[in-house]
Amino acid sequence: MLAAKRSQFPRFYFLSNEDLLEIIGQAKNPVAINKHIKKIYEGINKIRTEQQQQAKGQREHIITHVEAEDGELLAV
């Protein structure tokens, strides 16, 4: 399973098995990625998201900003 995820998204090769399992387990909570984002992308400190309601009560998370280590924000 982990090998399949890594083949779909090669940046997952930078994560340990435990980190990757935590990300996969928190798939509905994208803010949980912030704990590991530095290992995946150099220079990114965290991502900011907004929730939007979809049909049938489902929520969709949209990445709105990417924050650099120095606090600089990039609007997506």
C-alpha atoms as a PDB file:
ATOM      1  CA  MET A   1       0.000   0.000   0.000  1.00  0.00           C
ATOM      2  CA  LEU A   2       2.720   2.516   0.936  1.00  0.00           C
ATOM      3  CA  ALA A   3       4.729   1.666  -2.163  1.00  0.00           C
ATOM      4  CA  ALA A   4       1.674   2.385  -4.309  1.00  0.00           C
ATOM      5  CA  LYS A   5       1.173   5.782  -2.646  1.00  0.00           C
ATOM      6  CA  ARG A   6       4.846   6.605  -3.150  1.00  0.00           C
ATOM      7  CA  SER A   7       4.689   5.654  -6.816  1.00  0.00           C
ATOM      8  CA  GLN A   8       1.666   7.962  -7.279  1.00  0.00           C
ATOM      9  CA  PHE A   9       3.363  10.876  -5.494  1.00  0.00           C
ATOM     10  CA  PRO A  10       7.169  10.537  -5.458  1.00  0.00           C
ATOM     11  CA  ARG A  11       7.652  13.221  -2.784  1.00  0.00           C
ATOM     12  CA  PHE A  12       6.324  10.653  -0.307  1.00  0.00           C
ATOM     13  CA  TYR A  13       9.699   8.924  -0.638  1.00  0.00           C
ATOM     14  CA  PHE A  14      11.051  11.653   1.671  1.00  0.00           C
ATOM     15  CA  LEU A  15       8.776  10.467   4.491  1.00  0.00           C
ATOM     16  CA  SER A  16       9.150   7.566   6.877  1.00  0.00           C
ATOM     17  CA  ASN A  17       6.494   4.857   6.873  1.00  0.00           C
ATOM     18  CA  GLU A  18       5.074   6.223  10.138  1.00  0.00           C
ATOM     19  CA  ASP A  19       4.775   9.759   8.732  1.00  0.00           C
ATOM     20  CA  LEU A  20       3.131   8.527   5.547  1.00  0.00           C
ATOM     21  CA  LEU A  21       0.641   6.404   7.495  1.00  0.00           C
ATOM     22  CA  GLU A  22      -0.269   9.419   9.621  1.00  0.00           C
ATOM     23  CA  ILE A  23      -0.906  11.534   6.512  1.00  0.00           C
ATOM     24  CA  ILE A  24      -3.007   8.819   4.896  1.00  0.00           C
ATOM     25  CA  GLY A  25      -4.954   8.318   8.137  1.00  0.00           C
ATOM     26  CA  GLN A  26      -5.704  12.036   8.328  1.00  0.00           C
ATOM     27  CA  ALA A  27      -6.773  12.363   4.681  1.00  0.00           C
ATOM     28  CA  LYS A  28      -9.921  14.295   5.608  1.00  0.00           C
ATOM     29  CA  ASN A  29      -7.875  16.788   7.654  1.00  0.00           C
ATOM     30  CA  PRO A  30      -5.350  18.448   5.334  1.00  0.00           C
ATOM     31  CA  VAL A  31      -4.040  20.665   8.136  1.00  0.00           C
ATOM     32  CA  ALA A  32      -2.458  17.515   9.595  1.00  0.00           C
ATOM     33  CA  ILE A  33      -0.025  17.650   6.669  1.00  0.00           C
ATOM     34  CA  ASN A  34       1.521  20.786   8.193  1.00  0.00           C
ATOM     35  CA  LYS A  35       3.409  18.600  10.645  1.00  0.00           C
ATOM     36  CA  HIS A  36       5.183  16.897   7.713  1.00  0.00           C
ATOM     37  CA  ILE A  37       5.176  19.553   4.972  1.00  0.00           C
ATOM     38  CA  LYS A  38       8.812  20.559   5.563  1.00  0.00           C
ATOM     39  CA  LYS A  39       9.885  17.007   4.773  1.00  0.00           C
ATOM     40  CA  ILE A  40       7.924  16.999   1.516  1.00  0.00           C
ATOM     41  CA  TYR A  41       8.664  20.518   0.197  1.00  0.00           C
ATOM     42  CA  GLU A  42      11.775  22.490   1.045  1.00  0.00           C
ATOM     43  CA  GLY A  43      11.092  26.069   2.117  1.00  0.00           C
ATOM     44  CA  ILE A  44       7.396  25.591   2.904  1.00  0.00           C
ATOM     45  CA  ASN A  45       6.462  25.980   6.544  1.00  0.00           C
ATOM     46  CA  LYS A  46       2.723  25.284   6.347  1.00  0.00           C
ATOM     47  CA  ILE A  47      -0.395  25.452   4.225  1.00  0.00           C
ATOM     48  CA  ARG A  48      -3.593  27.326   4.999  1.00  0.00           C
ATOM     49  CA  THR A  49      -6.951  25.960   3.984  1.00  0.00           C
ATOM     50  CA  GLU A  50     -10.623  26.913   3.913  1.00  0.00           C
ATOM     51  CA  GLN A  51     -13.583  24.585   4.102  1.00  0.00           C
ATOM     52  CA  GLN A  52     -16.408  24.765   1.601  1.00  0.00           C
ATOM     53  CA  GLN A  53     -19.694  22.911   1.857  1.00  0.00           C
ATOM     54  CA  GLN A  54     -20.495  20.618  -1.026  1.00  0.00           C
ATOM     55  CA  ALA A  55     -23.607  18.697  -1.957  1.00  0.00           C
ATOM     56  CA  LYS A  56     -24.952  16.123   0.495  1.00  0.00           C
ATOM     57  CA  GLY A  57     -23.220  17.768   3.475  1.00  0.00           C
ATOM     58  CA  GLN A  58     -19.699  16.920   2.363  1.00  0.00           C
ATOM     59  CA  ARG A  59     -16.887  19.375   3.033  1.00  0.00           C
ATOM     60  CA  GLU A  60     -14.107  20.226   0.640  1.00  0.00           C
ATOM     61  CA  HIS A  61     -10.810  21.694   1.802  1.00  0.00           C
ATOM     62  CA  ILE A  62      -9.236  24.261  -0.492  1.00  0.00           C
ATOM     63  CA  ILE A  63      -5.592  25.324  -0.098  1.00  0.00           C
ATOM     64  CA  THR A  64      -5.647  29.123  -0.035  1.00  0.00           C
ATOM     65  CA  HIS A  65      -2.088  30.016   0.975  1.00  0.00           C
ATOM     66  CA  VAL A  66       1.355  28.488   1.229  1.00  0.00           C
ATOM     67  CA  GLU A  67       3.524  29.966   3.975  1.00  0.00           C
ATOM     68  CA  ALA A  68       7.321  30.059   3.768  1.00  0.00           C
ATOM     69  CA  GLU A  69       9.628  29.621   6.739  1.00  0.00           C
ATOM     70  CA  ASP A  70      10.204  33.406   6.896  1.00  0.00           C
ATOM     71  CA  GLY A  71       6.440  34.084   7.088  1.00  0.00           C
ATOM     72  CA  GLU A  72       6.001  35.088   3.440  1.00  0.00           C
ATOM     73  CA  LEU A  73       2.599  34.048   2.064  1.00  0.00           C
ATOM     74  CA  LEU A  74       1.847  32.847  -1.425  1.00  0.00           C
ATOM     75  CA  ALA A  75      -1.829  32.999  -2.366  1.00  0.00           C
ATOM     76  CA  VAL A  76      -2.872  30.002  -4.416  1.00  0.00           C
END
